[in-house]
Every structure is written in C-alpha cells, then in structure tokens.
Amino acid sequence: MVQKHPRWVQAILLYFTLANSLPGLWAFFMPFDFYNHFPGFGHNWVAVDGPYNEHLIRDVGAFFLAFTCLSSLALFVPHTVTARAVAISLLLFNIPHLWYHVKHLHRLPVADQIGNVVTLSLSVLLLIPLLLYKPHLVQPKHA
C-alpha cells in the first residue's frame, strides 16, 4: 500500500522543510553570522538573549537540519515517516520555543515582538491539522 498525502498536507510539510532548513543551514555553517543577524533584514532575535556560544548555535543548526530531514521524509517518502510524527515532534519543540520567546519579548523592539510571536505561533498552529490528519491508504495499480 502506498500513502499519498493531499496537497494541503504536502504544502505544510514543504513549509516545515523550508522553514527548518534555512535557519539550520545558516546556524550550522555560519554560527556567528546567525547569532548576530537572525532572522535577517536588519533584525536580530538571537544576540539579545545572551553571549555568543558557537557550540550552542551549531547544535541548534543541526537540530533544525534534523527536523528538515524528518519533514522531507514525510513529504517525499510518506511511508517512512507520517505527517502526524512530524507534527508531534515539531510541537514538542515549537510549543516550548514559543513559550520561551513570549516570556522574553521585552528584549526586542515592538515590531520584532510582533514578528516573533506571529512566526512562532504560525509554527504551532500549522501543525494542528497535521496532528489530526488521518491518511487514506491507496492500493498500487497493477499493469
């Protein structure tokens, strides 16, 4: 039996593949630049939180790359990893991540507070449909 995700599930999995790969690659390969410039465009959400630690930043990058792999497997090889497994794993990270940032918004300018809450909340809310999604198995067609 082959599992094929509907387009909305594919879109969410693609979003998380990209959303995790960009900071993952940046933090892993350019940790000091990530520390000083994430999320980019003249904003900085990491350096306001404490001194630079290369080990920690590279570990965060590797962590995001692991989630990139998990989301990619669910997207491109759906019988290997389920969309629900991606949702559970990412929620275990994204809910405490959002909670931490909400409690520390005072370190950021108002525009960055809004951007931070919106992007991190989106990373939680988008996972709820995946958590509830029950795939339908499709029988392969024989020639």
Protein backbone atom coordinates (compact mmCIF):
# COMPACT_ATOMS: atom_id res chain seq x y z
CA MET A 1 0.00 0.00 0.00
CA VAL A 2 1.20 3.48 -0.88
CA GLN A 3 0.30 6.56 1.08
CA LYS A 4 -0.22 9.77 -0.87
CA HIS A 5 -0.77 12.98 1.05
CA PRO A 6 -3.34 15.52 -0.10
CA ARG A 7 -1.88 18.79 -1.38
CA TRP A 8 -2.61 20.69 1.85
CA VAL A 9 -0.54 18.16 3.82
CA GLN A 10 2.23 18.35 1.23
CA ALA A 11 2.16 22.17 1.47
CA ILE A 12 2.53 22.12 5.26
CA LEU A 13 5.33 19.55 5.11
CA LEU A 14 7.10 21.61 2.43
CA TYR A 15 6.72 24.72 4.59
CA PHE A 16 8.38 23.00 7.55
CA THR A 17 11.09 21.53 5.33
CA LEU A 18 12.00 25.03 4.14
CA ALA A 19 11.32 26.80 7.45
CA ASN A 20 13.73 24.48 9.27
CA SER A 21 16.37 24.21 6.55
CA LEU A 22 17.07 27.94 6.25
CA PRO A 23 17.94 28.62 9.91
CA GLY A 24 19.50 25.16 10.16
CA LEU A 25 21.98 25.72 7.34
CA TRP A 26 22.67 29.28 8.46
CA ALA A 27 23.27 28.39 12.14
CA PHE A 28 25.31 25.29 11.40
CA PHE A 29 27.62 26.74 8.74
CA MET A 30 27.75 30.40 9.82
CA PRO A 31 27.03 30.38 13.55
CA PHE A 32 28.43 33.83 14.36
CA ASP A 33 26.52 35.43 11.49
CA PHE A 34 23.34 33.61 12.57
CA TYR A 35 23.84 34.82 16.15
CA ASN A 36 24.24 38.43 15.05
CA HIS A 37 21.71 38.63 12.22
CA PHE A 38 18.87 36.08 12.57
CA PRO A 39 16.13 36.44 11.25
CA GLY A 40 17.77 38.87 8.81
CA PHE A 41 16.56 42.04 7.11
CA GLY A 42 18.12 44.23 9.80
CA HIS A 43 16.55 42.36 12.72
CA ASN A 44 18.26 40.35 15.45
CA TRP A 45 16.44 37.90 17.69
CA VAL A 46 19.34 35.79 19.00
CA ALA A 47 22.12 38.11 20.21
CA VAL A 48 19.71 39.98 22.52
CA ASP A 49 19.40 36.79 24.55
CA GLY A 50 22.93 36.38 25.86
CA PRO A 51 26.57 35.91 24.92
CA TYR A 52 27.66 34.06 21.77
CA ASN A 53 28.25 30.33 22.12
CA GLU A 54 29.42 28.64 18.91
CA HIS A 55 28.71 25.15 20.22
CA LEU A 56 25.13 26.02 21.12
CA ILE A 57 24.44 27.79 17.82
CA ARG A 58 25.87 24.91 15.74
CA ASP A 59 23.83 22.42 17.78
CA VAL A 60 20.70 24.48 17.10
CA GLY A 61 21.58 24.42 13.40
CA ALA A 62 21.98 20.64 13.46
CA PHE A 63 18.70 20.34 15.33
CA PHE A 64 16.86 22.36 12.66
CA LEU A 65 18.52 20.25 9.96
CA ALA A 66 17.27 17.10 11.68
CA PHE A 67 13.73 18.49 11.53
CA THR A 68 14.34 19.35 7.87
CA CYS A 69 15.16 15.69 7.27
CA LEU A 70 12.10 14.50 9.20
CA SER A 71 9.74 16.82 7.30
CA SER A 72 11.35 15.92 3.97
CA LEU A 73 10.96 12.20 4.59
CA ALA A 74 7.27 12.65 5.39
CA LEU A 75 6.88 14.72 2.23
CA PHE A 76 8.87 12.65 -0.26
CA VAL A 77 8.77 9.16 1.30
CA PRO A 78 5.45 9.22 3.18
CA HIS A 79 5.50 5.54 4.10
CA THR A 80 8.74 6.13 6.07
CA VAL A 81 7.59 8.97 8.34
CA THR A 82 4.00 10.00 8.92
CA ALA A 83 2.75 13.57 8.87
CA ARG A 84 1.49 13.01 12.42
CA ALA A 85 5.00 12.04 13.59
CA VAL A 86 6.29 15.31 12.14
CA ALA A 87 3.54 17.23 13.93
CA ILE A 88 4.22 15.58 17.29
CA SER A 89 7.99 16.08 17.02
CA LEU A 90 7.77 19.69 15.93
CA LEU A 91 5.12 20.54 18.53
CA LEU A 92 7.43 19.18 21.23
CA PHE A 93 9.92 21.82 20.12
CA ASN A 94 7.71 24.66 18.87
CA ILE A 95 5.39 24.99 21.89
CA PRO A 96 8.20 25.48 24.46
CA HIS A 97 10.08 27.62 21.92
CA LEU A 98 7.07 29.90 21.53
CA TRP A 99 6.51 29.97 25.30
CA TYR A 100 10.13 30.99 25.97
CA HIS A 101 10.01 33.83 23.45
CA VAL A 102 6.64 35.13 24.67
CA LYS A 103 8.10 35.39 28.18
CA HIS A 104 11.16 37.30 26.88
CA LEU A 105 9.65 39.72 24.38
CA HIS A 106 10.77 42.75 26.41
CA ARG A 107 14.26 42.36 24.92
CA LEU A 108 13.01 43.17 21.42
CA PRO A 109 11.57 46.28 19.75
CA VAL A 110 7.78 46.20 19.27
CA ALA A 111 7.96 45.30 15.54
CA ASP A 112 10.22 42.36 16.36
CA GLN A 113 7.95 41.31 19.23
CA ILE A 114 5.06 41.10 16.76
CA GLY A 115 7.15 39.28 14.13
CA ASN A 116 8.46 36.86 16.72
CA VAL A 117 5.03 35.96 18.11
CA VAL A 118 3.42 35.70 14.66
CA THR A 119 6.08 33.44 13.14
CA LEU A 120 6.43 31.20 16.19
CA SER A 121 2.65 30.95 16.65
CA LEU A 122 2.28 30.01 12.99
CA SER A 123 4.80 27.21 13.57
CA VAL A 124 2.48 25.81 16.23
CA LEU A 125 -0.88 26.43 14.55
CA LEU A 126 0.14 24.89 11.21
CA LEU A 127 0.95 21.64 12.97
CA ILE A 128 -2.53 21.13 14.43
CA PRO A 129 -4.10 19.97 11.13
CA LEU A 130 -1.18 17.57 10.63
CA LEU A 131 -1.68 16.23 14.13
CA LEU A 132 -5.34 15.49 13.33
CA TYR A 133 -4.76 14.22 9.79
CA LYS A 134 -5.64 10.56 9.18
CA PRO A 135 -4.19 9.37 5.88
CA HIS A 136 -6.04 7.12 3.48
CA LEU A 137 -4.04 4.22 2.12
CA VAL A 138 -4.12 3.74 -1.63
CA GLN A 139 -3.65 0.37 -3.28
CA PRO A 140 -0.98 0.46 -6.03
CA LYS A 141 -2.32 -0.09 -9.54
CA HIS A 142 -1.08 -3.18 -11.31
CA ALA A 143 -0.37 -3.12 -15.03
